[in-house]
Amino acid sequence: MSMGDHGTTVSVDLHVHTEASYDCHTSVEAVLDQAAAAGLDAIAITDHDSVASLTRAFEIAHEYGVHVVPGVEVSTADGHLLALGIDQLLSPGRPLAETTREVHDRGGLAVVPHPFQKSRHGASRRAIRAADVDAIEVYNAHTLTGFRNGQARRYARRHELPGTGGSDAHKASLVGRASTMVSLPKGEDLTTAGILDAIRAGRTVANGTRTSAKQYLKKYAMNARVKTVSFL
């Protein structure tokens, strides 16, 4: 956390998975330990269609000095959506626009992760335009070339949408590989509401380092095994 003339800047990884996700085996404790080691002020736990890890995360987060933003990565009919500030399940399989409306009705923030990447369930431009999303993930660390991040950044800039960064970590060592620098008003405490309000207002800077080719391929090999077992 750094102090400036106009307020406080906090570092937040807005896209983190735990063992509550079908394709991750990392404990909440390991995630928080790495978040603290990486110097993060906060993380958003965004498991795939699950909020099962949130209760444990809230209970122990203070031991690591890391604030936990509740969230869930919802599988919509048009691709994935990060619902931040949400601690209850949202029904999967509905249109992106409909899911976004429910996120807003519940007071949450709707962020499109890894947009345009069909192989990763990224929403298309058409689906995003039809939905009133709050922000675009412009830096996802889980990428080989960074080409899609560039596309996302240009799209967000063109449509005047705030940009966020997240590691999309499915193992502890990758937590903090990408993050969002969020500027809070001077004197404001670090809270979920404050982080979400700052993102809505566009007071964000996304940065990070891409996942190595070895880590990228290991992740997709594991996903393939999970899908095969589920099919059998």
C-alpha atoms as a PDB file:
ATOM      1  CA  MET A   1       0.000   0.000   0.000  1.00  0.00           C
ATOM      2  CA  SER A   2       1.439   3.368  -0.990  1.00  0.00           C
ATOM      3  CA  MET A   3       0.399   6.866  -0.050  1.00  0.00           C
ATOM      4  CA  GLY A   4       0.192   9.713  -2.539  1.00  0.00           C
ATOM      5  CA  ASP A   5      -0.867  13.332  -2.476  1.00  0.00           C
ATOM      6  CA  HIS A   6      -4.317  12.395  -3.716  1.00  0.00           C
ATOM      7  CA  GLY A   7      -4.951   9.196  -1.779  1.00  0.00           C
ATOM      8  CA  THR A   8      -3.887   5.607  -1.306  1.00  0.00           C
ATOM      9  CA  THR A   9      -2.854   3.156  -4.017  1.00  0.00           C
ATOM     10  CA  VAL A  10      -3.411  -0.525  -3.294  1.00  0.00           C
ATOM     11  CA  SER A  11      -2.308  -3.586  -5.241  1.00  0.00           C
ATOM     12  CA  VAL A  12      -5.062  -6.110  -5.903  1.00  0.00           C
ATOM     13  CA  ASP A  13      -5.002  -9.389  -7.813  1.00  0.00           C
ATOM     14  CA  LEU A  14      -8.585  -9.499  -9.081  1.00  0.00           C
ATOM     15  CA  HIS A  15      -8.604 -13.032 -10.521  1.00  0.00           C
ATOM     16  CA  VAL A  16      -7.509 -15.884  -8.239  1.00  0.00           C
ATOM     17  CA  HIS A  17      -8.657 -19.500  -7.957  1.00  0.00           C
ATOM     18  CA  THR A  18      -8.599 -22.009  -5.107  1.00  0.00           C
ATOM     19  CA  GLU A  19      -9.439 -25.675  -4.672  1.00  0.00           C
ATOM     20  CA  ALA A  20     -13.119 -24.750  -4.930  1.00  0.00           C
ATOM     21  CA  SER A  21     -12.576 -24.478  -8.700  1.00  0.00           C
ATOM     22  CA  TYR A  22     -12.810 -27.716 -10.666  1.00  0.00           C
ATOM     23  CA  ASP A  23      -9.388 -27.137 -12.236  1.00  0.00           C
ATOM     24  CA  CYS A  24      -7.424 -26.035  -9.165  1.00  0.00           C
ATOM     25  CA  HIS A  25      -6.029 -27.824  -6.107  1.00  0.00           C
ATOM     26  CA  THR A  26      -4.622 -24.853  -4.188  1.00  0.00           C
ATOM     27  CA  SER A  27      -5.735 -24.231  -0.619  1.00  0.00           C
ATOM     28  CA  VAL A  28      -6.957 -20.860   0.616  1.00  0.00           C
ATOM     29  CA  GLU A  29      -4.032 -20.797   3.047  1.00  0.00           C
ATOM     30  CA  ALA A  30      -1.501 -21.212   0.231  1.00  0.00           C
ATOM     31  CA  VAL A  31      -3.171 -18.501  -1.830  1.00  0.00           C
ATOM     32  CA  LEU A  32      -3.140 -15.991   1.029  1.00  0.00           C
ATOM     33  CA  ASP A  33       0.424 -16.860   1.988  1.00  0.00           C
ATOM     34  CA  GLN A  34       1.626 -16.159  -1.550  1.00  0.00           C
ATOM     35  CA  ALA A  35      -0.461 -12.995  -1.779  1.00  0.00           C
ATOM     36  CA  ALA A  36       1.277 -11.657   1.312  1.00  0.00           C
ATOM     37  CA  ALA A  37       4.698 -12.695  -0.014  1.00  0.00           C
ATOM     38  CA  ALA A  38       3.965 -10.940  -3.315  1.00  0.00           C
ATOM     39  CA  GLY A  39       3.176  -7.703  -1.478  1.00  0.00           C
ATOM     40  CA  LEU A  40      -0.477  -7.615  -2.446  1.00  0.00           C
ATOM     41  CA  ASP A  41      -2.901  -5.602  -0.358  1.00  0.00           C
ATOM     42  CA  ALA A  42      -5.920  -7.585  -1.513  1.00  0.00           C
ATOM     43  CA  ILE A  43      -7.058 -10.433  -3.718  1.00  0.00           C
ATOM     44  CA  ALA A  44     -10.385 -11.367  -5.261  1.00  0.00           C
ATOM     45  CA  ILE A  45     -11.178 -15.067  -4.949  1.00  0.00           C
ATOM     46  CA  THR A  46     -13.083 -15.894  -8.122  1.00  0.00           C
ATOM     47  CA  ASP A  47     -13.641 -19.630  -8.326  1.00  0.00           C
ATOM     48  CA  HIS A  48     -15.507 -21.206 -11.214  1.00  0.00           C
ATOM     49  CA  ASP A  49     -19.212 -21.186 -10.318  1.00  0.00           C
ATOM     50  CA  SER A  50     -18.382 -21.633  -6.640  1.00  0.00           C
ATOM     51  CA  VAL A  51     -18.104 -19.518  -3.496  1.00  0.00           C
ATOM     52  CA  ALA A  52     -17.126 -22.433  -1.268  1.00  0.00           C
ATOM     53  CA  SER A  53     -13.721 -20.994  -0.300  1.00  0.00           C
ATOM     54  CA  LEU A  54     -14.936 -17.573   0.736  1.00  0.00           C
ATOM     55  CA  THR A  55     -15.980 -18.371   4.307  1.00  0.00           C
ATOM     56  CA  ARG A  56     -12.558 -19.821   5.131  1.00  0.00           C
ATOM     57  CA  ALA A  57     -10.808 -16.943   3.364  1.00  0.00           C
ATOM     58  CA  PHE A  58     -12.722 -14.338   5.362  1.00  0.00           C
ATOM     59  CA  GLU A  59     -11.940 -16.164   8.614  1.00  0.00           C
ATOM     60  CA  ILE A  60      -8.158 -16.205   8.184  1.00  0.00           C
ATOM     61  CA  ALA A  61      -7.331 -13.297   5.870  1.00  0.00           C
ATOM     62  CA  HIS A  62      -6.321 -11.070   8.795  1.00  0.00           C
ATOM     63  CA  GLU A  63      -3.568 -13.536   9.702  1.00  0.00           C
ATOM     64  CA  TYR A  64      -1.868 -12.737   6.392  1.00  0.00           C
ATOM     65  CA  GLY A  65      -2.617  -9.018   6.268  1.00  0.00           C
ATOM     66  CA  VAL A  66      -4.461  -9.425   2.964  1.00  0.00           C
ATOM     67  CA  HIS A  67      -7.978  -8.180   2.287  1.00  0.00           C
ATOM     68  CA  VAL A  68     -10.280 -10.631   0.480  1.00  0.00           C
ATOM     69  CA  VAL A  69     -12.768  -9.369  -2.092  1.00  0.00           C
ATOM     70  CA  PRO A  70     -15.564 -11.905  -2.579  1.00  0.00           C
ATOM     71  CA  GLY A  71     -16.275 -13.016  -6.108  1.00  0.00           C
ATOM     72  CA  VAL A  72     -17.111 -15.797  -8.510  1.00  0.00           C
ATOM     73  CA  GLU A  73     -16.208 -16.545 -12.122  1.00  0.00           C
ATOM     74  CA  VAL A  74     -19.587 -17.254 -13.674  1.00  0.00           C
ATOM     75  CA  SER A  75     -19.951 -19.472 -16.725  1.00  0.00           C
ATOM     76  CA  THR A  76     -22.457 -17.558 -18.842  1.00  0.00           C
ATOM     77  CA  ALA A  77     -23.849 -18.641 -22.195  1.00  0.00           C
ATOM     78  CA  ASP A  78     -21.538 -16.116 -23.839  1.00  0.00           C
ATOM     79  CA  GLY A  79     -18.339 -16.710 -21.896  1.00  0.00           C
ATOM     80  CA  HIS A  80     -16.953 -16.184 -18.415  1.00  0.00           C
ATOM     81  CA  LEU A  81     -17.717 -13.199 -16.202  1.00  0.00           C
ATOM     82  CA  LEU A  82     -16.004 -12.108 -12.988  1.00  0.00           C
ATOM     83  CA  ALA A  83     -18.685 -11.070 -10.515  1.00  0.00           C
ATOM     84  CA  LEU A  84     -16.788  -9.082  -7.883  1.00  0.00           C
ATOM     85  CA  GLY A  85     -18.327  -8.195  -4.531  1.00  0.00           C
ATOM     86  CA  ILE A  86     -20.603 -11.239  -4.814  1.00  0.00           C
ATOM     87  CA  ASP A  87     -20.580 -13.970  -2.158  1.00  0.00           C
ATOM     88  CA  GLN A  88     -23.504 -16.024  -3.429  1.00  0.00           C
ATOM     89  CA  LEU A  89     -23.801 -18.300  -6.431  1.00  0.00           C
ATOM     90  CA  LEU A  90     -25.185 -17.000  -9.695  1.00  0.00           C
ATOM     91  CA  SER A  91     -26.935 -19.405 -12.050  1.00  0.00           C
ATOM     92  CA  PRO A  92     -24.624 -20.417 -14.929  1.00  0.00           C
ATOM     93  CA  GLY A  93     -25.624 -20.743 -18.563  1.00  0.00           C
ATOM     94  CA  ARG A  94     -27.555 -17.495 -18.936  1.00  0.00           C
ATOM     95  CA  PRO A  95     -26.674 -14.697 -21.375  1.00  0.00           C
ATOM     96  CA  LEU A  96     -23.844 -12.393 -20.367  1.00  0.00           C
ATOM     97  CA  ALA A  97     -26.176  -9.380 -20.346  1.00  0.00           C
ATOM     98  CA  GLU A  98     -28.674 -11.080 -18.045  1.00  0.00           C
ATOM     99  CA  THR A  99     -25.963 -12.238 -15.661  1.00  0.00           C
ATOM    100  CA  THR A 100     -24.457  -8.756 -15.590  1.00  0.00           C
ATOM    101  CA  ARG A 101     -27.822  -7.282 -14.616  1.00  0.00           C
ATOM    102  CA  GLU A 102     -28.069  -9.668 -11.680  1.00  0.00           C
ATOM    103  CA  VAL A 103     -24.533  -8.796 -10.572  1.00  0.00           C
ATOM    104  CA  HIS A 104     -25.552  -5.131 -10.547  1.00  0.00           C
ATOM    105  CA  ASP A 105     -28.823  -5.888  -8.742  1.00  0.00           C
ATOM    106  CA  ARG A 106     -26.745  -7.515  -5.997  1.00  0.00           C
ATOM    107  CA  GLY A 107     -24.421  -4.535  -5.779  1.00  0.00           C
ATOM    108  CA  GLY A 108     -21.494  -6.240  -7.490  1.00  0.00           C
ATOM    109  CA  LEU A 109     -19.089  -5.344 -10.269  1.00  0.00           C
ATOM    110  CA  ALA A 110     -19.064  -7.152 -13.624  1.00  0.00           C
ATOM    111  CA  VAL A 111     -15.646  -7.636 -15.252  1.00  0.00           C
ATOM    112  CA  VAL A 112     -15.046  -9.575 -18.484  1.00  0.00           C
ATOM    113  CA  PRO A 113     -11.958 -11.806 -18.070  1.00  0.00           C
ATOM    114  CA  HIS A 114      -9.701 -12.889 -20.969  1.00  0.00           C
ATOM    115  CA  PRO A 115     -12.105 -11.435 -23.578  1.00  0.00           C
ATOM    116  CA  PHE A 116     -12.191 -12.661 -27.183  1.00  0.00           C
ATOM    117  CA  GLN A 117     -10.342 -15.899 -26.307  1.00  0.00           C
ATOM    118  CA  LYS A 118     -12.801 -18.553 -27.423  1.00  0.00           C
ATOM    119  CA  SER A 119     -10.589 -21.412 -26.206  1.00  0.00           C
ATOM    120  CA  ARG A 120     -10.777 -19.942 -22.700  1.00  0.00           C
ATOM    121  CA  HIS A 121     -14.483 -19.083 -22.751  1.00  0.00           C
ATOM    122  CA  GLY A 122     -13.813 -15.409 -23.390  1.00  0.00           C
ATOM    123  CA  ALA A 123     -16.816 -13.320 -24.339  1.00  0.00           C
ATOM    124  CA  SER A 124     -17.042 -11.946 -27.875  1.00  0.00           C
ATOM    125  CA  ARG A 125     -17.229  -8.273 -28.771  1.00  0.00           C
ATOM    126  CA  ARG A 126     -20.864  -8.705 -29.692  1.00  0.00           C
ATOM    127  CA  ALA A 127     -21.773 -10.215 -26.322  1.00  0.00           C
ATOM    128  CA  ILE A 128     -19.821  -7.560 -24.424  1.00  0.00           C
ATOM    129  CA  ARG A 129     -21.501  -4.746 -26.360  1.00  0.00           C
ATOM    130  CA  ALA A 130     -24.906  -6.182 -25.454  1.00  0.00           C
ATOM    131  CA  ALA A 131     -24.069  -6.213 -21.753  1.00  0.00           C
ATOM    132  CA  ASP A 132     -23.559  -3.264 -19.430  1.00  0.00           C
ATOM    133  CA  VAL A 133     -20.261  -4.525 -18.000  1.00  0.00           C
ATOM    134  CA  ASP A 134     -18.197  -2.353 -15.658  1.00  0.00           C
ATOM    135  CA  ALA A 135     -14.656  -3.229 -16.735  1.00  0.00           C
ATOM    136  CA  ILE A 136     -12.479  -5.360 -18.975  1.00  0.00           C
ATOM    137  CA  GLU A 137      -9.588  -7.529 -17.827  1.00  0.00           C
ATOM    138  CA  VAL A 138      -6.808  -6.042 -19.953  1.00  0.00           C
ATOM    139  CA  TYR A 139      -3.932  -7.977 -18.364  1.00  0.00           C
ATOM    140  CA  ASN A 140      -4.382 -11.685 -17.735  1.00  0.00           C
ATOM    141  CA  ALA A 141      -1.091 -13.310 -16.745  1.00  0.00           C
ATOM    142  CA  HIS A 142      -2.093 -16.684 -18.164  1.00  0.00           C
ATOM    143  CA  THR A 143      -1.072 -16.006 -21.760  1.00  0.00           C
ATOM    144  CA  LEU A 144       1.813 -16.957 -24.014  1.00  0.00           C
ATOM    145  CA  THR A 145       2.201 -13.943 -26.282  1.00  0.00           C
ATOM    146  CA  GLY A 146       0.225 -11.083 -24.759  1.00  0.00           C
ATOM    147  CA  PHE A 147      -1.590 -10.543 -28.069  1.00  0.00           C
ATOM    148  CA  ARG A 148      -5.034 -10.959 -26.522  1.00  0.00           C
ATOM    149  CA  ASN A 149      -4.148  -8.627 -23.659  1.00  0.00           C
ATOM    150  CA  GLY A 150      -3.314  -6.003 -26.249  1.00  0.00           C
ATOM    151  CA  GLN A 151      -6.663  -6.526 -27.947  1.00  0.00           C
ATOM    152  CA  ALA A 152      -8.460  -6.242 -24.617  1.00  0.00           C
ATOM    153  CA  ARG A 153      -6.582  -3.055 -23.705  1.00  0.00           C
ATOM    154  CA  ARG A 154      -7.454  -1.431 -27.042  1.00  0.00           C
ATOM    155  CA  TYR A 155     -11.102  -2.460 -26.708  1.00  0.00           C
ATOM    156  CA  ALA A 156     -11.348  -1.036 -23.181  1.00  0.00           C
ATOM    157  CA  ARG A 157      -9.732   2.218 -24.278  1.00  0.00           C
ATOM    158  CA  ARG A 158     -11.977   2.536 -27.336  1.00  0.00           C
ATOM    159  CA  HIS A 159     -15.143   1.966 -25.313  1.00  0.00           C
ATOM    160  CA  GLU A 160     -13.955   3.973 -22.304  1.00  0.00           C
ATOM    161  CA  LEU A 161     -14.132   1.036 -19.912  1.00  0.00           C
ATOM    162  CA  PRO A 162     -11.822   0.647 -16.903  1.00  0.00           C
ATOM    163  CA  GLY A 163      -9.075  -1.949 -17.302  1.00  0.00           C
ATOM    164  CA  THR A 164      -8.119  -4.503 -14.656  1.00  0.00           C
ATOM    165  CA  GLY A 165      -5.334  -7.033 -14.201  1.00  0.00           C
ATOM    166  CA  GLY A 166      -5.407 -10.485 -12.642  1.00  0.00           C
ATOM    167  CA  SER A 167      -3.134 -13.488 -12.445  1.00  0.00           C
ATOM    168  CA  ASP A 168      -5.879 -16.047 -13.166  1.00  0.00           C
ATOM    169  CA  ALA A 169      -3.755 -18.137 -10.803  1.00  0.00           C
ATOM    170  CA  HIS A 170      -4.614 -21.811 -10.486  1.00  0.00           C
ATOM    171  CA  LYS A 171      -1.572 -22.519  -8.316  1.00  0.00           C
ATOM    172  CA  ALA A 172      -0.194 -20.559  -5.398  1.00  0.00           C
ATOM    173  CA  SER A 173       3.103 -19.559  -6.999  1.00  0.00           C
ATOM    174  CA  LEU A 174       1.271 -17.567  -9.696  1.00  0.00           C
ATOM    175  CA  VAL A 175      -0.747 -15.384  -7.315  1.00  0.00           C
ATOM    176  CA  GLY A 176       0.280 -11.781  -7.883  1.00  0.00           C
ATOM    177  CA  ARG A 177       1.774 -12.449 -11.318  1.00  0.00           C
ATOM    178  CA  ALA A 178      -0.640  -9.748 -12.499  1.00  0.00           C
ATOM    179  CA  SER A 179      -2.522  -7.174 -10.473  1.00  0.00           C
ATOM    180  CA  THR A 180      -4.501  -3.961 -10.535  1.00  0.00           C
ATOM    181  CA  MET A 181      -3.239  -0.799  -8.898  1.00  0.00           C
ATOM    182  CA  VAL A 182      -6.348   0.812  -7.459  1.00  0.00           C
ATOM    183  CA  SER A 183      -6.390   4.421  -6.243  1.00  0.00           C
ATOM    184  CA  LEU A 184      -8.557   5.032  -3.188  1.00  0.00           C
ATOM    185  CA  PRO A 185      -9.541   8.501  -1.954  1.00  0.00           C
ATOM    186  CA  LYS A 186      -7.278  10.017   0.670  1.00  0.00           C
ATOM    187  CA  GLY A 187      -8.088   8.747   4.143  1.00  0.00           C
ATOM    188  CA  GLU A 188     -10.314   5.898   2.935  1.00  0.00           C
ATOM    189  CA  ASP A 189      -9.823   2.481   4.525  1.00  0.00           C
ATOM    190  CA  LEU A 190      -9.214  -0.604   2.428  1.00  0.00           C
ATOM    191  CA  THR A 191     -12.642  -2.156   1.896  1.00  0.00           C
ATOM    192  CA  THR A 192     -14.343  -4.159  -0.816  1.00  0.00           C
ATOM    193  CA  ALA A 193     -16.797  -1.311  -1.456  1.00  0.00           C
ATOM    194  CA  GLY A 194     -13.938   1.148  -1.830  1.00  0.00           C
ATOM    195  CA  ILE A 195     -12.084  -1.085  -4.289  1.00  0.00           C
ATOM    196  CA  LEU A 196     -15.192  -1.636  -6.408  1.00  0.00           C
ATOM    197  CA  ASP A 197     -16.068   2.065  -6.428  1.00  0.00           C
ATOM    198  CA  ALA A 198     -12.523   2.941  -7.546  1.00  0.00           C
ATOM    199  CA  ILE A 199     -12.696   0.424 -10.395  1.00  0.00           C
ATOM    200  CA  ARG A 200     -16.071   1.793 -11.515  1.00  0.00           C
ATOM    201  CA  ALA A 201     -14.531   5.249 -11.567  1.00  0.00           C
ATOM    202  CA  GLY A 202     -11.618   4.028 -13.684  1.00  0.00           C
ATOM    203  CA  ARG A 203      -8.941   4.659 -11.055  1.00  0.00           C
ATOM    204  CA  THR A 204      -6.977   1.587 -12.094  1.00  0.00           C
ATOM    205  CA  VAL A 205      -3.699   0.577 -13.695  1.00  0.00           C
ATOM    206  CA  ALA A 206      -3.205  -3.040 -14.771  1.00  0.00           C
ATOM    207  CA  ASN A 207       0.251  -4.611 -14.842  1.00  0.00           C
ATOM    208  CA  GLY A 208       1.995  -7.935 -14.580  1.00  0.00           C
ATOM    209  CA  THR A 209       4.218 -10.640 -16.046  1.00  0.00           C
ATOM    210  CA  ARG A 210       3.028 -13.379 -18.381  1.00  0.00           C
ATOM    211  CA  THR A 211       2.994 -17.031 -17.363  1.00  0.00           C
ATOM    212  CA  SER A 212       5.884 -19.077 -18.753  1.00  0.00           C
ATOM    213  CA  ALA A 213       5.276 -21.451 -21.668  1.00  0.00           C
ATOM    214  CA  LYS A 214       5.887 -24.422 -19.353  1.00  0.00           C
ATOM    215  CA  GLN A 215       3.309 -23.219 -16.814  1.00  0.00           C
ATOM    216  CA  TYR A 216       0.832 -22.403 -19.583  1.00  0.00           C
ATOM    217  CA  LEU A 217       1.074 -25.866 -21.131  1.00  0.00           C
ATOM    218  CA  LYS A 218       0.892 -27.634 -17.758  1.00  0.00           C
ATOM    219  CA  LYS A 219      -2.352 -25.811 -16.992  1.00  0.00           C
ATOM    220  CA  TYR A 220      -3.953 -26.894 -20.267  1.00  0.00           C
ATOM    221  CA  ALA A 221      -2.737 -30.461 -19.877  1.00  0.00           C
ATOM    222  CA  MET A 222      -4.425 -30.595 -16.482  1.00  0.00           C
ATOM    223  CA  ASN A 223      -7.643 -29.133 -17.906  1.00  0.00           C
ATOM    224  CA  ALA A 224      -7.654 -31.804 -20.604  1.00  0.00           C
ATOM    225  CA  ARG A 225      -7.321 -34.546 -17.973  1.00  0.00           C
ATOM    226  CA  VAL A 226     -10.156 -33.050 -15.900  1.00  0.00           C
ATOM    227  CA  LYS A 227     -12.462 -32.917 -18.922  1.00  0.00           C
ATOM    228  CA  THR A 228     -11.601 -36.511 -19.880  1.00  0.00           C
ATOM    229  CA  VAL A 229     -12.344 -37.830 -16.401  1.00  0.00           C
ATOM    230  CA  SER A 230     -15.621 -35.885 -16.308  1.00  0.00           C
ATOM    231  CA  PHE A 231     -16.637 -37.370 -19.670  1.00  0.00           C
ATOM    232  CA  LEU A 232     -15.851 -40.929 -18.566  1.00  0.00           C
END
